[in-house]
Amino acid sequence: MNREVLDTVDAVLSRMEEGETELIALAAGETSLHFLQRVYRSVRQPMSRRLRAAIEALPFEQPKLSAVAMGYMTADDFASRLERAILRSGKSVKQIEATCEEVAPAPAAGATLGQSLAIMQGISRASAGASPIKRRSIP
């Protein structure tokens, strides 16, 4: 009995599928978008085919929203805007003022003991102001 019911259901389903599909032809001058629209609007096409056609046609029917940057070529960059804002505020800008102070060079990695001592003596003289090397410091 179950086998007979299954065979009957299969026969009915196959007849429905054969009867529901229709041939869709394109007229001269129609595009693939027109074809996809005919497929997804046809009630005789299976739902899976209609959904696939609608998905494929969607990007060509509705615009995709996206962010677009608007820029103009002017001499109005950030630095010039900042300069004008500082001038408008009327306040002076606090800047870093540095002074120089003398520093002796560090001993080399392969320096001998005598060279290291000479450099160390140079450091003690640098504190007295005899070294030509200078370093900036912020007060």
Protein backbone atom coordinates (compact mmCIF):
# COMPACT_ATOMS: atom_id res chain seq x y z
CA MET A 1 0.00 0.00 0.00
CA ASN A 2 2.75 2.48 0.91
CA ARG A 3 4.53 1.80 -2.37
CA GLU A 4 1.36 2.57 -4.36
CA VAL A 5 0.87 5.86 -2.49
CA LEU A 6 4.46 6.91 -3.12
CA ASP A 7 4.20 6.08 -6.82
CA THR A 8 0.97 8.09 -7.10
CA VAL A 9 2.46 11.09 -5.30
CA ASP A 10 5.56 10.93 -7.53
CA ALA A 11 3.43 10.80 -10.67
CA VAL A 12 1.32 13.77 -9.55
CA LEU A 13 4.39 15.82 -8.63
CA SER A 14 6.14 15.10 -11.92
CA ARG A 15 2.97 16.11 -13.86
CA MET A 16 2.74 19.32 -11.83
CA GLU A 17 6.39 20.17 -12.50
CA GLU A 18 6.02 19.51 -16.22
CA GLY A 19 2.83 21.57 -16.43
CA GLU A 20 4.15 24.49 -14.37
CA THR A 21 7.29 25.27 -16.35
CA GLU A 22 6.96 27.46 -19.38
CA LEU A 23 9.36 28.45 -22.08
CA ILE A 24 10.47 32.04 -21.86
CA ALA A 25 11.73 33.58 -25.07
CA LEU A 26 13.36 36.97 -25.51
CA ALA A 27 12.28 39.39 -28.19
CA ALA A 28 14.88 41.21 -30.26
CA GLY A 29 16.49 44.03 -28.29
CA GLU A 30 15.66 42.63 -24.85
CA THR A 31 18.48 42.20 -22.35
CA SER A 32 19.32 39.50 -19.85
CA LEU A 33 17.73 41.69 -17.18
CA HIS A 34 14.41 41.47 -19.02
CA PHE A 35 14.81 37.69 -19.09
CA LEU A 36 15.48 37.50 -15.35
CA GLN A 37 12.46 39.71 -14.69
CA ARG A 38 10.25 37.42 -16.76
CA VAL A 39 11.53 34.38 -14.88
CA TYR A 40 10.91 35.75 -11.39
CA ARG A 41 7.51 37.19 -12.36
CA SER A 42 6.30 33.92 -13.87
CA VAL A 43 4.05 31.96 -11.52
CA ARG A 44 4.65 28.83 -13.59
CA GLN A 45 8.33 28.67 -12.68
CA PRO A 46 9.45 26.78 -9.56
CA MET A 47 10.02 29.03 -6.55
CA SER A 48 13.73 28.19 -6.31
CA ARG A 49 14.28 29.35 -9.90
CA ARG A 50 12.24 32.51 -9.31
CA LEU A 51 14.19 33.36 -6.16
CA ARG A 52 17.53 32.83 -7.91
CA ALA A 53 16.46 35.07 -10.81
CA ALA A 54 15.30 37.78 -8.39
CA ILE A 55 18.61 37.65 -6.49
CA GLU A 56 20.61 37.95 -9.71
CA ALA A 57 18.49 40.85 -11.03
CA LEU A 58 18.44 42.85 -7.78
CA PRO A 59 21.78 44.71 -8.17
CA PHE A 60 20.65 45.99 -11.59
CA GLU A 61 17.23 47.18 -10.39
CA GLN A 62 17.99 48.87 -7.06
CA PRO A 63 21.00 51.13 -6.45
CA LYS A 64 23.42 50.05 -3.76
CA LEU A 65 23.80 52.60 -0.97
CA SER A 66 27.36 53.53 -0.11
CA ALA A 67 29.29 56.41 1.39
CA VAL A 68 30.93 58.79 -1.05
CA ALA A 69 33.59 61.29 -0.05
CA MET A 70 33.20 64.77 -1.49
CA GLY A 71 36.43 66.67 -1.84
CA TYR A 72 37.43 69.88 -3.54
CA MET A 73 40.90 70.91 -4.63
CA THR A 74 41.59 74.01 -2.55
CA ALA A 75 44.55 75.31 -0.62
CA ASP A 76 42.59 74.76 2.56
CA ASP A 77 44.54 72.01 4.27
CA PHE A 78 44.62 71.23 7.97
CA ALA A 79 47.78 73.22 8.66
CA SER A 80 46.46 76.42 7.11
CA ARG A 81 43.13 76.04 8.93
CA LEU A 82 44.97 75.58 12.22
CA GLU A 83 47.11 78.66 11.59
CA ARG A 84 44.01 80.79 10.88
CA ALA A 85 42.27 79.47 13.99
CA ILE A 86 45.28 80.37 16.14
CA LEU A 87 45.36 83.87 14.67
CA ARG A 88 41.62 84.32 15.26
CA SER A 89 41.89 83.24 18.88
CA GLY A 90 44.40 86.02 19.58
CA LYS A 91 46.34 83.83 22.01
CA SER A 92 50.00 83.06 21.62
CA VAL A 93 50.85 79.43 21.09
CA LYS A 94 53.07 77.88 23.74
CA GLN A 95 56.11 76.36 22.08
CA ILE A 96 58.87 74.15 23.39
CA GLU A 97 62.06 76.11 24.02
CA ALA A 98 65.20 73.99 24.12
CA THR A 99 68.76 74.74 25.21
CA CYS A 100 71.96 72.90 24.27
CA GLU A 101 74.16 71.09 26.72
CA GLU A 102 77.42 69.27 26.02
CA VAL A 103 77.65 65.46 26.13
CA ALA A 104 80.64 63.11 25.60
CA PRO A 105 80.38 60.20 23.12
CA ALA A 106 79.63 56.72 24.49
CA PRO A 107 82.44 54.11 24.39
CA ALA A 108 82.38 51.75 21.38
CA ALA A 109 81.37 48.12 21.90
CA GLY A 110 84.89 46.80 21.17
CA ALA A 111 86.80 49.54 23.03
CA THR A 112 89.85 48.62 25.10
CA LEU A 113 90.16 49.47 28.78
CA GLY A 114 92.43 52.40 28.01
CA GLN A 115 89.99 53.82 25.45
CA SER A 116 87.10 53.44 27.86
CA LEU A 117 89.06 55.30 30.56
CA ALA A 118 89.90 58.09 28.11
CA ILE A 119 86.21 58.42 27.24
CA MET A 120 85.32 58.45 30.93
CA GLN A 121 87.83 61.21 31.55
CA GLY A 122 86.26 63.10 28.63
CA ILE A 123 82.91 62.84 30.37
CA SER A 124 84.32 64.36 33.54
CA ARG A 125 85.78 67.18 31.42
CA ALA A 126 82.44 67.56 29.64
CA SER A 127 80.82 68.36 32.93
CA ALA A 128 83.39 71.14 33.21
CA GLY A 129 82.43 72.37 29.70
CA ALA A 130 85.39 71.03 27.63
CA SER A 131 83.58 68.59 25.27
CA PRO A 132 82.55 69.69 21.75
CA ILE A 133 79.47 67.40 21.52
CA LYS A 134 76.15 69.04 22.38
CA ARG A 135 72.78 67.66 23.35
CA ARG A 136 69.44 69.46 23.49
CA SER A 137 67.45 69.45 26.68
CA ILE A 138 64.01 70.80 27.51
CA PRO A 139 63.84 73.01 30.59
